[in-house]
Protein backbone atom coordinates (compact mmCIF):
# COMPACT_ATOMS: atom_id res chain seq x y z
CA UNK A 1 78.29 -103.71 107.48
CA UNK A 2 81.44 -103.94 105.83
CA UNK A 3 84.46 -104.86 107.22
CA UNK A 4 86.18 -101.32 107.79
CA UNK A 5 83.13 -100.24 110.05
CA UNK A 6 83.34 -103.63 112.16
CA UNK A 7 87.18 -102.95 112.58
CA UNK A 8 86.73 -99.11 113.44
CA UNK A 9 83.85 -99.72 115.90
CA UNK A 10 85.94 -102.60 117.61
CA UNK A 11 88.87 -100.09 117.72
CA UNK A 12 86.75 -97.28 119.00
CA UNK A 13 84.91 -99.60 121.84
CA UNK A 14 88.76 -100.24 123.42
CA UNK A 15 89.97 -97.14 122.85
CA UNK A 16 87.03 -95.83 124.84
CA UNK A 17 87.39 -98.01 127.84
CA UNK A 18 91.23 -96.98 127.62
CA UNK A 19 90.26 -93.77 127.82
CA UNK A 20 87.79 -94.19 130.83
CA UNK A 21 90.34 -96.10 132.51
CA UNK A 22 93.43 -94.09 131.94
CA UNK A 23 91.36 -90.63 132.75
CA UNK A 24 90.27 -92.31 136.22
CA UNK A 25 93.88 -93.01 137.07
CA UNK A 26 94.86 -89.34 136.91
CA UNK A 27 94.89 -87.78 140.46
CA UNK A 28 93.07 -84.68 141.00
CA UNK A 29 93.48 -82.14 143.46
CA UNK A 30 94.17 -84.20 146.30
CA UNK A 31 95.12 -87.79 145.71
CA UNK A 32 93.77 -89.88 143.12
CA UNK A 33 94.12 -93.55 141.99
CA UNK A 34 97.50 -92.94 140.40
CA UNK A 35 99.03 -92.11 143.90
CA UNK A 36 98.82 -95.87 144.70
CA UNK A 37 101.67 -96.43 141.87
CA UNK A 38 103.36 -93.23 142.14
CA UNK A 39 103.60 -92.60 145.55
CA UNK A 40 107.02 -93.69 146.30
CA UNK A 41 108.49 -91.92 143.05
CA UNK A 42 110.51 -89.06 143.24
CA UNK A 43 108.80 -85.81 142.07
CA UNK A 44 110.67 -83.71 139.09
CA UNK A 45 110.55 -79.89 139.37
CA UNK A 46 107.51 -79.42 137.46
CA UNK A 47 105.72 -80.93 140.46
CA UNK A 48 104.65 -84.24 138.45
CA UNK A 49 106.35 -87.66 138.69
CA UNK A 50 107.32 -89.95 135.79
CA UNK A 51 104.67 -91.87 136.14
CA UNK A 52 102.02 -88.83 135.94
CA UNK A 53 103.90 -87.82 132.60
CA UNK A 54 103.25 -91.18 131.18
CA UNK A 55 99.40 -91.46 132.04
CA UNK A 56 99.37 -87.61 130.52
CA UNK A 57 100.86 -89.16 127.40
CA UNK A 58 98.80 -92.29 127.22
CA UNK A 59 95.64 -90.44 127.76
CA UNK A 60 96.40 -87.78 125.12
CA UNK A 61 97.09 -90.55 122.67
CA UNK A 62 93.89 -92.44 123.40
CA UNK A 63 91.84 -89.15 123.16
CA UNK A 64 93.41 -88.83 119.78
CA UNK A 65 92.48 -92.12 118.58
CA UNK A 66 88.98 -91.61 120.44
CA UNK A 67 88.53 -88.53 117.94
CA UNK A 68 89.73 -90.07 114.97
CA UNK A 69 87.64 -93.24 114.97
CA UNK A 70 84.80 -91.06 116.02
CA UNK A 71 85.33 -89.03 112.82
CA UNK A 72 85.75 -92.15 110.91
CA UNK A 73 82.72 -93.52 111.91
CA UNK A 74 81.00 -90.74 110.59
CA UNK A 75 82.35 -90.47 107.45
CA UNK A 76 82.09 -94.30 106.88
CA UNK A 77 79.15 -95.80 108.68
CA UNK A 78 76.01 -95.54 106.66
CA UNK A 79 72.84 -97.42 108.44
């Protein structure tokens, strides 16, 4: 394997673990793990707090990075 494949595999692994963590932090219809951090924060008019919006942004960025590293691995990796 060349250095590019190893680097992309490392980034892909870190991003996938981060994506799992941040998806689990989201609250569902009831209460989620994010209520531990956002329970004291006031909600905005849309019904989500500042922490929930930041969780959404981070999750979207991680999902895009996961998709890009998956496509890169598909194109670059040759066993």
